[in-house]
Amino acid sequence: MDIKYNQTTASIGIKDGLKNHFFIVKLLLIITFINAVLNLSNAQVAFGFMKLMWLFIGMVAVFGLRIYFFKKTGTDKIPVDEIVGIKERVSFSKKIYFIQLKNGKTRDLLEVKSESQFKEVKKLLTEIKL
């Protein structure tokens, strides 16, 4: 777990490589969406099962892009005044910890795997601001 508070910039620095991961996922979703549009734009083929499949794939790509552009963030430095709190959610019987931001986005904490690490991060945030 590499979460540190920087007093000079009043921000929290998280080093977990999430920004690079998000870039790759966004790139793949954009390529998938473009591929779906190109496959749907072929007017020579009648609307059938394959066009229906490409329509579904394109809609899933749009939904994923919406999540990655508007609901999640992968920034490495988060200003303390932008943080609303730290929360957890259960997904497929696994706890996922994240930081809730004022702009409505969330920042997943990939390195926080246990309840004790979650309490440490929560304690750090309460000492700083919350």
Protein backbone atom coordinates (compact mmCIF):
# COMPACT_ATOMS: atom_id res chain seq x y z
CA MET A 1 0.00 0.00 0.00
CA ASP A 2 1.63 3.20 -1.19
CA ILE A 3 -0.62 6.07 -0.13
CA LYS A 4 1.15 9.18 1.12
CA TYR A 5 0.09 12.67 2.13
CA ASN A 6 1.97 15.60 0.61
CA GLN A 7 1.71 18.63 2.90
CA THR A 8 3.11 21.17 0.43
CA THR A 9 0.42 20.50 -2.19
CA ALA A 10 -2.25 19.34 0.30
CA SER A 11 -2.87 16.22 -1.74
CA ILE A 12 -2.76 12.47 -1.40
CA GLY A 13 -0.41 10.55 -3.67
CA ILE A 14 -1.36 7.01 -4.68
CA LYS A 15 1.09 4.91 -6.64
CA ASP A 16 -0.62 1.81 -8.01
CA GLY A 17 -0.52 2.18 -11.82
CA LEU A 18 -4.26 2.69 -12.15
CA LYS A 19 -3.83 5.63 -14.53
CA ASN A 20 -2.02 3.44 -17.07
CA HIS A 21 -4.60 0.68 -16.64
CA PHE A 22 -7.45 3.12 -17.30
CA PHE A 23 -5.70 4.44 -20.41
CA ILE A 24 -5.41 0.94 -21.87
CA VAL A 25 -9.03 0.08 -21.04
CA LYS A 26 -10.29 3.33 -22.56
CA LEU A 27 -8.23 2.76 -25.70
CA LEU A 28 -9.57 -0.78 -26.11
CA LEU A 29 -13.16 0.37 -25.56
CA ILE A 30 -12.76 3.13 -28.17
CA ILE A 31 -11.32 0.64 -30.67
CA THR A 32 -14.18 -1.77 -29.94
CA PHE A 33 -16.76 0.99 -30.43
CA ILE A 34 -15.19 2.07 -33.73
CA ASN A 35 -15.13 -1.56 -34.87
CA ALA A 36 -18.82 -1.96 -33.98
CA VAL A 37 -19.76 1.23 -35.87
CA LEU A 38 -17.81 0.12 -38.93
CA ASN A 39 -19.45 -3.31 -38.88
CA LEU A 40 -22.91 -1.77 -38.48
CA SER A 41 -22.34 0.75 -41.27
CA ASN A 42 -21.97 -1.97 -43.93
CA ALA A 43 -25.21 -1.37 -45.87
CA GLN A 44 -24.68 -4.29 -48.26
CA VAL A 45 -25.47 -6.87 -45.59
CA ALA A 46 -29.03 -7.18 -44.32
CA PHE A 47 -29.77 -6.67 -40.64
CA GLY A 48 -29.37 -10.08 -39.07
CA PHE A 49 -27.80 -11.89 -36.16
CA MET A 50 -24.28 -10.51 -36.72
CA LYS A 51 -25.46 -6.91 -36.89
CA LEU A 52 -27.45 -7.50 -33.73
CA MET A 53 -24.32 -8.85 -32.03
CA TRP A 54 -22.27 -5.83 -33.17
CA LEU A 55 -25.02 -3.53 -31.94
CA PHE A 56 -24.86 -5.21 -28.51
CA ILE A 57 -21.03 -5.02 -28.46
CA GLY A 58 -21.15 -1.32 -29.41
CA MET A 59 -23.66 -0.57 -26.65
CA VAL A 60 -21.50 -2.37 -24.07
CA ALA A 61 -18.47 -0.34 -25.25
CA VAL A 62 -20.44 2.93 -24.91
CA PHE A 63 -21.57 1.93 -21.41
CA GLY A 64 -17.97 1.10 -20.43
CA LEU A 65 -16.66 4.36 -21.88
CA ARG A 66 -19.29 6.29 -19.92
CA ILE A 67 -18.13 4.66 -16.71
CA TYR A 68 -14.43 5.20 -17.36
CA PHE A 69 -14.79 8.81 -18.53
CA PHE A 70 -17.49 10.13 -16.17
CA LYS A 71 -17.63 7.91 -13.07
CA LYS A 72 -14.07 6.79 -12.33
CA THR A 73 -10.70 8.47 -12.15
CA GLY A 74 -7.18 7.15 -12.11
CA THR A 75 -5.31 10.24 -10.99
CA ASP A 76 -2.21 9.75 -8.89
CA LYS A 77 -2.58 12.99 -6.89
CA ILE A 78 -5.90 13.84 -5.30
CA PRO A 79 -6.30 17.22 -3.57
CA VAL A 80 -7.59 16.78 -0.03
CA ASP A 81 -10.35 19.36 -0.49
CA GLU A 82 -11.82 17.23 -3.34
CA ILE A 83 -12.25 14.14 -1.15
CA VAL A 84 -15.70 13.41 0.26
CA GLY A 85 -14.79 10.19 2.03
CA ILE A 86 -13.54 6.64 1.77
CA LYS A 87 -16.04 3.86 1.22
CA GLU A 88 -16.31 0.18 0.44
CA ARG A 89 -18.58 -1.93 -1.71
CA VAL A 90 -18.95 -5.67 -2.11
CA SER A 91 -18.67 -7.05 -5.63
CA PHE A 92 -18.83 -10.81 -6.18
CA SER A 93 -18.20 -11.41 -2.45
CA LYS A 94 -15.01 -9.29 -2.60
CA LYS A 95 -14.67 -5.94 -0.84
CA ILE A 96 -13.53 -3.07 -3.03
CA TYR A 97 -12.36 0.12 -1.35
CA PHE A 98 -12.55 3.51 -3.05
CA ILE A 99 -12.30 7.24 -2.44
CA GLN A 100 -15.42 9.28 -3.22
CA LEU A 101 -14.69 12.69 -4.77
CA LYS A 102 -16.78 15.87 -4.82
CA ASN A 103 -17.21 15.79 -8.60
CA GLY A 104 -19.04 12.46 -8.34
CA LYS A 105 -16.13 10.32 -9.48
CA THR A 106 -14.53 7.51 -7.52
CA ARG A 107 -10.88 6.49 -7.20
CA ASP A 108 -10.42 2.77 -6.59
CA LEU A 109 -7.78 1.76 -4.07
CA LEU A 110 -6.32 -1.38 -5.61
CA GLU A 111 -3.59 -1.80 -3.04
CA VAL A 112 -5.99 -1.85 -0.08
CA LYS A 113 -6.85 -5.52 0.26
CA SER A 114 -7.72 -6.07 3.91
CA GLU A 115 -9.86 -4.47 6.58
CA SER A 116 -6.76 -3.44 8.55
CA GLN A 117 -5.30 -1.58 5.55
CA PHE A 118 -8.70 0.08 5.02
CA LYS A 119 -8.65 1.28 8.63
CA GLU A 120 -5.13 2.66 8.16
CA VAL A 121 -6.18 4.67 5.11
CA LYS A 122 -9.32 5.86 6.87
CA LYS A 123 -7.21 6.93 9.86
CA LEU A 124 -4.83 8.79 7.54
CA LEU A 125 -7.73 10.65 5.93
CA THR A 126 -9.31 11.54 9.28
CA GLU A 127 -5.97 12.88 10.54
CA ILE A 128 -5.62 15.03 7.44
CA LYS A 129 -9.09 16.42 6.94
CA LEU A 130 -12.13 14.25 7.20
